[in-house]
Each structure stands twice: as structure tokens, then as C-alpha cells.
């Protein structure tokens, strides 16, 4: 990609169910979904997830819940495998 001078950008806030602007959007513009905390940046090929910047509270809560589900599944599967192999969980 060639160097681009960005002289203006727009910043939008909206809900995840809102349609993001698609015409006349300068590259580098942002869209923040206030209900999910997801952030998007407009590139030449359209809106892409912006993973940079600080972690929002909503995103941290979502990541924590996903991690908890993963740990619970791992524990359940490990206990089941141990039981099948006759290994005492105590």
C-alpha cells in the first residue's frame, strides 16, 4: 500500500444493528458499536474490525465469559477422560 495522507475522518457511534455508512466515507473513519463495544475502521475495501486501542468493559466481560466457558469445557472433558481411564478425580 502506498502512503496516504488522511486529512479528514468521520467518527460514528451506533448500535450493532445499525447499517454502517457506505458512501462518501473517508479512509480512516471509525464506527463504534455502543452496545457491543466493537470498533471498526474504514479501509479502501470497507469496514474492518479495529483491534487497536484500549479494551472496553463490554469486550473484557465478553472475553472473560468465553474464557470461563472454555475452562469449564476443558475440565468436564478432562474429568470424563479420567473416568473412562479409571483415574480417580480426588
Protein backbone atom coordinates (compact mmCIF):
# COMPACT_ATOMS: atom_id res chain seq x y z
CA UNK A 1 0.00 0.00 0.00
CA UNK A 2 1.22 3.47 -0.80
CA UNK A 3 1.45 6.17 1.84
CA UNK A 4 -1.84 8.03 2.26
CA UNK A 5 -2.33 11.45 3.83
CA UNK A 6 -5.57 11.42 5.79
CA UNK A 7 -6.82 14.98 6.03
CA UNK A 8 -10.24 14.23 7.47
CA UNK A 9 -12.04 11.30 9.02
CA UNK A 10 -15.50 10.81 10.44
CA UNK A 11 -16.35 9.13 13.74
CA UNK A 12 -19.70 7.43 14.09
CA UNK A 13 -21.39 5.82 17.08
CA UNK A 14 -24.34 3.49 16.69
CA UNK A 15 -25.81 0.13 17.55
CA UNK A 16 -24.56 -3.17 16.15
CA UNK A 17 -27.89 -3.46 14.30
CA UNK A 18 -27.42 -0.09 12.57
CA UNK A 19 -26.21 -0.08 8.99
CA UNK A 20 -22.74 1.41 8.76
CA UNK A 21 -22.30 4.26 6.28
CA UNK A 22 -21.01 3.05 2.92
CA UNK A 23 -20.74 6.03 0.59
CA UNK A 24 -18.55 9.08 0.94
CA UNK A 25 -16.68 7.55 3.87
CA UNK A 26 -13.05 8.73 4.08
CA UNK A 27 -10.43 6.04 4.73
CA UNK A 28 -9.55 6.00 8.45
CA UNK A 29 -13.07 6.86 9.61
CA UNK A 30 -14.36 4.89 12.59
CA UNK A 31 -17.61 3.32 13.77
CA UNK A 32 -18.12 2.39 17.42
CA UNK A 33 -20.93 -0.02 18.30
CA UNK A 34 -22.05 1.34 21.65
CA UNK A 35 -23.98 -1.82 22.60
CA UNK A 36 -21.13 -4.28 21.96
CA UNK A 37 -18.02 -2.14 22.31
CA UNK A 38 -16.81 -3.32 18.89
CA UNK A 39 -14.88 -0.78 16.85
CA UNK A 40 -14.45 -0.65 13.09
CA UNK A 41 -12.19 1.37 10.84
CA UNK A 42 -12.95 2.15 7.21
CA UNK A 43 -10.36 0.90 4.72
CA UNK A 44 -10.41 1.08 0.94
CA UNK A 45 -12.26 -2.27 0.85
CA UNK A 46 -14.86 -1.34 3.50
CA UNK A 47 -15.30 -1.62 7.27
CA UNK A 48 -12.88 -3.87 9.18
CA UNK A 49 -12.62 -4.66 12.89
CA UNK A 50 -10.26 -2.30 14.71
CA UNK A 51 -8.40 -4.33 17.33
CA UNK A 52 -6.21 -1.45 18.40
CA UNK A 53 -6.77 0.84 21.33
CA UNK A 54 -7.90 0.22 24.88
CA UNK A 55 -10.11 -2.71 25.80
CA UNK A 56 -13.69 -1.71 26.51
CA UNK A 57 -15.51 -3.00 29.58
CA UNK A 58 -18.06 -4.80 27.40
CA UNK A 59 -15.33 -6.55 25.43
CA UNK A 60 -13.47 -7.54 28.62
CA UNK A 61 -16.65 -9.05 30.09
CA UNK A 62 -17.29 -10.95 26.84
CA UNK A 63 -13.71 -12.28 26.76
CA UNK A 64 -13.95 -13.34 30.42
CA UNK A 65 -17.19 -15.24 29.76
CA UNK A 66 -15.61 -17.01 26.76
CA UNK A 67 -12.56 -17.96 28.82
CA UNK A 68 -14.78 -19.31 31.61
CA UNK A 69 -16.77 -21.46 29.13
CA UNK A 70 -13.52 -22.81 27.67
CA UNK A 71 -12.16 -23.68 31.11
CA UNK A 72 -15.43 -25.39 32.11
CA UNK A 73 -15.47 -27.46 28.89
CA UNK A 74 -11.83 -28.44 29.40
CA UNK A 75 -12.49 -29.50 33.00
CA UNK A 76 -15.58 -31.54 32.04
CA UNK A 77 -13.72 -33.26 29.19
CA UNK A 78 -10.70 -33.99 31.41
CA UNK A 79 -12.88 -35.47 34.16
CA UNK A 80 -14.76 -37.59 31.62
CA UNK A 81 -11.48 -38.85 30.10
CA UNK A 82 -10.11 -39.65 33.56
CA UNK A 83 -13.28 -41.54 34.45
CA UNK A 84 -13.08 -43.56 31.21
CA UNK A 85 -9.44 -44.42 32.03
CA UNK A 86 -10.20 -45.31 35.64
CA UNK A 87 -8.31 -42.35 37.10
CA UNK A 88 -9.68 -41.10 40.44
CA UNK A 89 -10.52 -37.36 40.39
CA UNK A 90 -9.73 -36.95 44.08
